[in-house]
Amino acid sequence: MSDTKNVSGMVEYPKEGILSMDLFRSKSSNTSLFCMAAGSEMEDHTSTKEGIVHIIEGKGTFVLEGKEIPMLPGTVIRMEKNAVHRLSAEENTCFMLHLHK
């Protein structure tokens, strides 16, 4: 059985900070939608799973293991598990994060 989601209809920006919502979740993976208000940041952190980040809209900076990557619509970023990363949104920015074993 498969599920479908209309992500464009789910984009909702908070006045400040970050809003996240689960799209799909299983024992081995999960996919979430993140909406970051302009000016918000996520400090250095890691994940115990490999990840794929897909930027849907907005503009910001993704720093992966010290390398700055522009967060622009259509950009896809692959992360190894335990990779140190941080994010900042220059304008309202939305992305999907898929984590898997």
N, C-alpha and C. Protein backbone atom coordinates (compact mmCIF):
# COMPACT_ATOMS: atom_id res chain seq x y z
N MET A 1 0.84 -1.18 0.00
CA MET A 1 0.00 0.00 0.00
C MET A 1 0.89 1.24 0.00
N SER A 2 0.57 2.20 -0.85
CA SER A 2 1.38 3.41 -0.90
C SER A 2 0.54 4.62 -0.50
N ASP A 3 1.22 5.61 0.02
CA ASP A 3 0.58 6.86 0.40
C ASP A 3 1.11 7.96 -0.51
N THR A 4 0.32 8.98 -0.68
CA THR A 4 0.77 10.16 -1.42
C THR A 4 0.48 11.39 -0.60
N LYS A 5 1.31 12.40 -0.79
CA LYS A 5 1.15 13.68 -0.09
C LYS A 5 1.34 14.79 -1.11
N ASN A 6 0.56 15.84 -1.00
CA ASN A 6 0.75 17.03 -1.81
C ASN A 6 1.55 18.01 -0.95
N VAL A 7 2.87 17.97 -1.11
CA VAL A 7 3.75 18.77 -0.26
C VAL A 7 3.49 20.25 -0.43
N SER A 8 3.24 20.70 -1.66
CA SER A 8 3.03 22.13 -1.88
C SER A 8 1.84 22.66 -1.08
N GLY A 9 0.87 21.82 -0.82
CA GLY A 9 -0.28 22.22 -0.02
C GLY A 9 -0.02 22.18 1.48
N MET A 10 1.15 21.66 1.88
CA MET A 10 1.47 21.53 3.30
C MET A 10 2.45 22.60 3.78
N VAL A 11 3.04 23.36 2.86
CA VAL A 11 4.03 24.36 3.24
C VAL A 11 3.36 25.45 4.06
N GLU A 12 3.90 25.65 5.26
CA GLU A 12 3.37 26.65 6.20
C GLU A 12 4.54 27.20 7.00
N TYR A 13 4.77 28.50 6.88
CA TYR A 13 5.90 29.10 7.58
C TYR A 13 5.49 29.69 8.92
N PRO A 14 6.27 29.40 9.95
CA PRO A 14 6.00 30.04 11.25
C PRO A 14 6.49 31.49 11.19
N LYS A 15 6.03 32.32 12.12
CA LYS A 15 6.50 33.71 12.17
C LYS A 15 7.98 33.76 12.49
N GLU A 16 8.44 32.81 13.30
CA GLU A 16 9.87 32.67 13.59
C GLU A 16 10.15 31.21 13.90
N GLY A 17 11.40 30.81 13.73
CA GLY A 17 11.78 29.44 14.05
C GLY A 17 11.51 28.47 12.92
N ILE A 18 11.32 27.21 13.31
CA ILE A 18 11.23 26.11 12.34
C ILE A 18 10.02 25.25 12.66
N LEU A 19 9.27 24.91 11.63
CA LEU A 19 8.13 24.02 11.74
C LEU A 19 8.46 22.75 10.97
N SER A 20 8.30 21.59 11.60
CA SER A 20 8.54 20.33 10.89
C SER A 20 7.34 19.41 11.05
N MET A 21 7.13 18.59 10.03
CA MET A 21 6.03 17.63 10.07
C MET A 21 6.44 16.35 9.35
N ASP A 22 6.08 15.22 9.94
CA ASP A 22 6.36 13.93 9.32
C ASP A 22 5.48 13.73 8.11
N LEU A 23 6.09 13.25 7.02
CA LEU A 23 5.33 12.89 5.83
C LEU A 23 5.13 11.38 5.78
N PHE A 24 6.23 10.64 5.99
CA PHE A 24 6.19 9.18 6.00
C PHE A 24 7.16 8.67 7.06
N ARG A 25 6.81 7.58 7.71
CA ARG A 25 7.68 7.00 8.73
C ARG A 25 7.56 5.48 8.69
N SER A 26 8.72 4.81 8.76
CA SER A 26 8.76 3.35 8.86
C SER A 26 9.88 2.99 9.84
N LYS A 27 10.11 1.71 10.04
CA LYS A 27 11.16 1.28 10.96
C LYS A 27 12.55 1.69 10.47
N SER A 28 12.74 1.74 9.15
CA SER A 28 14.07 2.01 8.62
C SER A 28 14.27 3.40 8.03
N SER A 29 13.18 4.16 7.85
CA SER A 29 13.34 5.49 7.26
C SER A 29 12.21 6.42 7.67
N ASN A 30 12.46 7.70 7.48
CA ASN A 30 11.39 8.68 7.67
C ASN A 30 11.66 9.89 6.77
N THR A 31 10.58 10.50 6.34
CA THR A 31 10.64 11.69 5.49
C THR A 31 9.84 12.78 6.17
N SER A 32 10.48 13.95 6.31
CA SER A 32 9.84 15.09 6.98
C SER A 32 9.91 16.33 6.12
N LEU A 33 8.98 17.23 6.33
CA LEU A 33 8.95 18.53 5.68
C LEU A 33 9.34 19.57 6.72
N PHE A 34 10.31 20.41 6.39
CA PHE A 34 10.75 21.48 7.28
C PHE A 34 10.47 22.82 6.63
N CYS A 35 9.90 23.74 7.40
CA CYS A 35 9.66 25.10 6.94
C CYS A 35 10.37 26.03 7.92
N MET A 36 11.37 26.75 7.42
CA MET A 36 12.18 27.64 8.25
C MET A 36 11.80 29.09 7.95
N ALA A 37 11.48 29.85 8.99
CA ALA A 37 11.20 31.27 8.82
C ALA A 37 12.49 31.99 8.47
N ALA A 38 12.39 33.05 7.70
CA ALA A 38 13.56 33.86 7.36
C ALA A 38 14.29 34.26 8.63
N GLY A 39 15.62 34.12 8.61
CA GLY A 39 16.44 34.48 9.76
C GLY A 39 16.62 33.37 10.78
N SER A 40 15.98 32.23 10.59
CA SER A 40 16.12 31.14 11.57
C SER A 40 17.34 30.28 11.24
N GLU A 41 17.82 29.56 12.26
CA GLU A 41 19.00 28.72 12.10
C GLU A 41 18.84 27.42 12.86
N MET A 42 19.56 26.40 12.40
CA MET A 42 19.75 25.16 13.15
C MET A 42 21.24 25.09 13.42
N GLU A 43 21.62 24.97 14.67
CA GLU A 43 23.03 24.89 15.05
C GLU A 43 23.63 23.55 14.63
N ASP A 44 24.96 23.41 14.76
CA ASP A 44 25.63 22.16 14.43
C ASP A 44 24.94 20.98 15.09
N HIS A 45 24.68 19.93 14.31
CA HIS A 45 24.11 18.70 14.82
C HIS A 45 24.46 17.56 13.87
N THR A 46 24.14 16.33 14.26
CA THR A 46 24.38 15.15 13.44
C THR A 46 23.13 14.29 13.42
N SER A 47 23.15 13.28 12.58
CA SER A 47 22.08 12.29 12.53
C SER A 47 22.72 10.91 12.53
N THR A 48 22.07 9.96 13.17
CA THR A 48 22.59 8.58 13.20
C THR A 48 22.21 7.82 11.93
N LYS A 49 21.52 8.50 10.99
CA LYS A 49 21.14 7.88 9.72
C LYS A 49 21.67 8.70 8.55
N GLU A 50 21.81 8.06 7.39
CA GLU A 50 22.14 8.77 6.16
C GLU A 50 20.94 9.63 5.79
N GLY A 51 21.20 10.74 5.09
CA GLY A 51 20.10 11.62 4.75
C GLY A 51 20.21 12.25 3.37
N ILE A 52 19.05 12.62 2.86
CA ILE A 52 18.92 13.37 1.61
C ILE A 52 18.06 14.59 1.93
N VAL A 53 18.56 15.78 1.59
CA VAL A 53 17.83 17.02 1.78
C VAL A 53 17.48 17.54 0.39
N HIS A 54 16.19 17.87 0.15
CA HIS A 54 15.74 18.41 -1.13
C HIS A 54 15.10 19.77 -0.87
N ILE A 55 15.73 20.83 -1.36
CA ILE A 55 15.22 22.18 -1.16
C ILE A 55 14.05 22.42 -2.11
N ILE A 56 12.91 22.83 -1.55
CA ILE A 56 11.71 23.06 -2.34
C ILE A 56 11.59 24.52 -2.74
N GLU A 57 11.78 25.42 -1.76
CA GLU A 57 11.72 26.85 -2.06
C GLU A 57 12.53 27.63 -1.03
N GLY A 58 12.87 28.86 -1.37
CA GLY A 58 13.57 29.73 -0.45
C GLY A 58 15.03 29.90 -0.79
N LYS A 59 15.77 30.42 0.20
CA LYS A 59 17.19 30.69 0.03
C LYS A 59 17.86 30.65 1.39
N GLY A 60 18.97 29.93 1.47
CA GLY A 60 19.71 29.84 2.72
C GLY A 60 21.05 29.19 2.49
N THR A 61 21.67 28.77 3.59
CA THR A 61 22.98 28.13 3.52
C THR A 61 22.95 26.85 4.35
N PHE A 62 23.45 25.78 3.77
CA PHE A 62 23.59 24.49 4.43
C PHE A 62 25.09 24.26 4.55
N VAL A 63 25.58 24.06 5.77
CA VAL A 63 27.01 23.81 5.96
C VAL A 63 27.16 22.34 6.36
N LEU A 64 27.83 21.57 5.49
CA LEU A 64 28.01 20.14 5.69
C LEU A 64 29.50 19.85 5.83
N GLU A 65 29.90 19.39 7.04
CA GLU A 65 31.30 19.09 7.31
C GLU A 65 32.19 20.28 6.93
N GLY A 66 31.73 21.51 7.22
CA GLY A 66 32.51 22.70 6.97
C GLY A 66 32.38 23.30 5.58
N LYS A 67 31.70 22.61 4.65
CA LYS A 67 31.53 23.10 3.29
C LYS A 67 30.17 23.79 3.15
N GLU A 68 30.19 25.06 2.71
CA GLU A 68 28.95 25.82 2.51
C GLU A 68 28.28 25.43 1.20
N ILE A 69 27.00 25.12 1.28
CA ILE A 69 26.21 24.74 0.10
C ILE A 69 25.00 25.68 0.06
N PRO A 70 24.82 26.41 -1.06
CA PRO A 70 23.64 27.28 -1.16
C PRO A 70 22.36 26.43 -1.16
N MET A 71 21.40 26.85 -0.35
CA MET A 71 20.09 26.19 -0.32
C MET A 71 19.18 26.97 -1.28
N LEU A 72 19.03 26.44 -2.48
CA LEU A 72 18.21 27.05 -3.52
C LEU A 72 17.22 26.01 -4.04
N PRO A 73 16.07 26.43 -4.55
CA PRO A 73 15.08 25.47 -5.03
C PRO A 73 15.68 24.47 -6.02
N GLY A 74 15.38 23.20 -5.78
CA GLY A 74 15.87 22.13 -6.64
C GLY A 74 17.16 21.49 -6.18
N THR A 75 17.87 22.11 -5.25
CA THR A 75 19.13 21.55 -4.75
C THR A 75 18.85 20.28 -3.94
N VAL A 76 19.68 19.27 -4.15
CA VAL A 76 19.61 18.02 -3.40
C VAL A 76 20.97 17.80 -2.74
N ILE A 77 20.96 17.52 -1.43
CA ILE A 77 22.19 17.35 -0.67
C ILE A 77 22.17 15.97 -0.01
N ARG A 78 23.26 15.21 -0.18
CA ARG A 78 23.37 13.89 0.45
C ARG A 78 24.30 14.00 1.64
N MET A 79 23.88 13.41 2.77
CA MET A 79 24.69 13.42 3.99
C MET A 79 24.97 12.00 4.46
N GLU A 80 26.20 11.76 4.85
CA GLU A 80 26.55 10.50 5.49
C GLU A 80 26.03 10.54 6.92
N LYS A 81 25.82 9.38 7.54
CA LYS A 81 25.42 9.38 8.94
C LYS A 81 26.54 9.99 9.78
N ASN A 82 26.17 10.64 10.85
CA ASN A 82 27.07 11.32 11.78
C ASN A 82 27.80 12.53 11.20
N ALA A 83 27.42 13.00 10.02
CA ALA A 83 28.05 14.19 9.43
C ALA A 83 27.56 15.44 10.17
N VAL A 84 28.49 16.29 10.56
CA VAL A 84 28.13 17.54 11.24
C VAL A 84 27.59 18.51 10.20
N HIS A 85 26.43 19.09 10.51
CA HIS A 85 25.83 20.05 9.59
C HIS A 85 25.02 21.09 10.34
N ARG A 86 24.80 22.24 9.68
CA ARG A 86 23.97 23.31 10.22
C ARG A 86 23.30 24.04 9.05
N LEU A 87 22.23 24.76 9.37
CA LEU A 87 21.46 25.44 8.34
C LEU A 87 21.09 26.84 8.79
N SER A 88 20.94 27.73 7.82
CA SER A 88 20.41 29.06 8.11
C SER A 88 19.56 29.49 6.92
N ALA A 89 18.44 30.16 7.20
CA ALA A 89 17.52 30.60 6.16
C ALA A 89 17.60 32.11 6.00
N GLU A 90 17.97 32.56 4.80
CA GLU A 90 17.99 34.00 4.52
C GLU A 90 16.58 34.51 4.27
N GLU A 91 15.75 33.66 3.69
CA GLU A 91 14.34 33.96 3.47
C GLU A 91 13.56 32.72 3.84
N ASN A 92 12.25 32.78 3.87
CA ASN A 92 11.45 31.59 4.18
C ASN A 92 11.93 30.46 3.27
N THR A 93 12.28 29.33 3.88
CA THR A 93 12.87 28.22 3.14
C THR A 93 12.22 26.91 3.56
N CYS A 94 11.88 26.10 2.56
CA CYS A 94 11.21 24.82 2.81
C CYS A 94 12.03 23.70 2.17
N PHE A 95 12.19 22.59 2.90
CA PHE A 95 12.90 21.44 2.35
C PHE A 95 12.33 20.14 2.90
N MET A 96 12.55 19.06 2.15
CA MET A 96 12.21 17.72 2.62
C MET A 96 13.49 17.05 3.07
N LEU A 97 13.42 16.32 4.15
CA LEU A 97 14.53 15.54 4.67
C LEU A 97 14.11 14.07 4.70
N HIS A 98 14.91 13.25 4.04
CA HIS A 98 14.66 11.80 4.07
C HIS A 98 15.84 11.15 4.77
N LEU A 99 15.57 10.48 5.87
CA LEU A 99 16.60 9.76 6.64
C LEU A 99 16.37 8.27 6.49
N HIS A 100 17.46 7.52 6.29
CA HIS A 100 17.35 6.07 6.16
C HIS A 100 18.59 5.39 6.69
N LYS A 101 18.47 4.12 7.01
CA LYS A 101 19.61 3.35 7.56
C LYS A 101 20.70 3.21 6.54
